[in-house]
Amino acid sequence: DLGGVITSAPAPVSWGGSRIDVFARGGNGEVVQRSRDGNNPWSAWGTPGELRGMILRSAPSCTSAAPNTINCVTLREGYGGVTQFW
């Protein structure tokens, strides 16, 4: 159980050998993230600083095409198309 309050399906992604990040729409509509590296405990749910204030209309969908990179797409409130963040 990762706890927290999310209002969309979670989007898990791994950008490294033992690293897992999970993204979702939080209770306030912003993107939230939680991560785990190896056997370390999970981080707390939080909104990355550069994404604060961005309200999602859908669950994010994320992938990693190279080490240390994550790309996500989602529908954003007040924006007519798909938004990408990384």
Protein backbone atom coordinates (compact mmCIF):
# COMPACT_ATOMS: atom_id res chain seq x y z
CA ASP A 1 0.00 0.00 0.00
CA LEU A 2 1.58 3.28 -1.13
CA GLY A 3 -1.01 5.35 0.73
CA GLY A 4 -1.79 8.91 -0.24
CA VAL A 5 -4.81 10.29 -2.06
CA ILE A 6 -4.82 9.86 -5.83
CA THR A 7 -7.72 10.41 -8.22
CA SER A 8 -6.40 8.59 -11.27
CA ALA A 9 -4.73 5.36 -12.20
CA PRO A 10 -1.05 5.32 -11.20
CA ALA A 11 1.61 5.43 -13.93
CA PRO A 12 4.70 3.47 -12.85
CA VAL A 13 7.96 3.85 -14.78
CA SER A 14 11.55 2.74 -14.27
CA TRP A 15 14.43 4.81 -15.62
CA GLY A 16 17.23 2.80 -14.07
CA GLY A 17 18.11 -0.68 -12.87
CA SER A 18 16.43 -0.49 -9.48
CA ARG A 19 14.59 2.86 -9.63
CA ILE A 20 10.78 3.06 -9.82
CA ASP A 21 8.76 6.29 -10.03
CA VAL A 22 4.97 6.42 -9.80
CA PHE A 23 2.96 9.40 -11.12
CA ALA A 24 -0.76 10.10 -10.65
CA ARG A 25 -3.29 12.91 -10.34
CA GLY A 26 -3.44 13.90 -6.67
CA GLY A 27 -6.43 14.88 -4.58
CA ASN A 28 -6.03 18.54 -5.56
CA GLY A 29 -5.71 17.70 -9.28
CA GLU A 30 -1.94 18.29 -9.51
CA VAL A 31 0.51 15.61 -10.60
CA VAL A 32 2.02 13.73 -7.66
CA GLN A 33 5.07 11.47 -7.65
CA ARG A 34 6.48 8.82 -5.39
CA SER A 35 9.74 6.93 -5.96
CA ARG A 36 11.87 4.11 -4.70
CA ASP A 37 15.51 3.34 -5.43
CA GLY A 38 16.67 -0.22 -4.76
CA ASN A 39 15.79 -1.49 -1.30
CA ASN A 40 15.40 2.03 0.11
CA PRO A 41 11.95 3.01 1.43
CA TRP A 42 9.42 4.78 -0.81
CA SER A 43 9.58 8.58 -0.83
CA ALA A 44 6.52 10.53 0.26
CA TRP A 45 3.96 11.60 -2.35
CA GLY A 46 4.76 15.08 -3.59
CA THR A 47 4.33 17.45 -6.50
CA PRO A 48 7.59 18.24 -8.29
CA GLY A 49 8.22 22.00 -7.93
CA GLU A 50 8.15 22.78 -11.64
CA LEU A 51 4.74 21.08 -11.97
CA ARG A 52 2.96 22.87 -9.11
CA GLY A 53 -0.21 24.54 -10.25
CA MET A 54 -0.65 22.32 -13.32
CA ILE A 55 -4.08 20.72 -12.92
CA LEU A 56 -4.58 17.42 -14.72
CA ARG A 57 -7.77 16.30 -16.48
CA SER A 58 -6.53 12.72 -16.91
CA ALA A 59 -4.11 10.23 -15.52
CA PRO A 60 -0.55 10.70 -16.70
CA SER A 61 1.04 8.08 -18.93
CA CYS A 62 4.80 7.77 -18.57
CA THR A 63 7.74 6.02 -20.21
CA SER A 64 11.52 6.04 -20.10
CA ALA A 65 13.50 5.78 -23.34
CA ALA A 66 16.96 6.19 -21.78
CA PRO A 67 18.60 6.05 -18.35
CA ASN A 68 17.75 8.97 -16.05
CA THR A 69 14.89 10.24 -18.25
CA ILE A 70 11.13 10.09 -17.81
CA ASN A 71 8.56 11.51 -20.24
CA CYS A 72 4.89 11.77 -19.34
CA VAL A 73 1.83 12.94 -21.24
CA THR A 74 -1.55 13.94 -19.84
CA LEU A 75 -4.59 16.10 -20.49
CA ARG A 76 -4.27 19.42 -18.69
CA GLU A 77 -7.10 21.59 -17.38
CA GLY A 78 -7.53 24.78 -19.40
CA TYR A 79 -5.41 23.48 -22.26
CA GLY A 80 -6.94 22.05 -25.42
CA GLY A 81 -4.42 19.33 -26.12
CA VAL A 82 -1.99 16.87 -24.68
CA THR A 83 0.70 18.23 -22.34
CA GLN A 84 4.11 16.64 -21.95
CA PHE A 85 6.33 16.89 -18.90
CA TRP A 86 9.67 15.27 -18.08
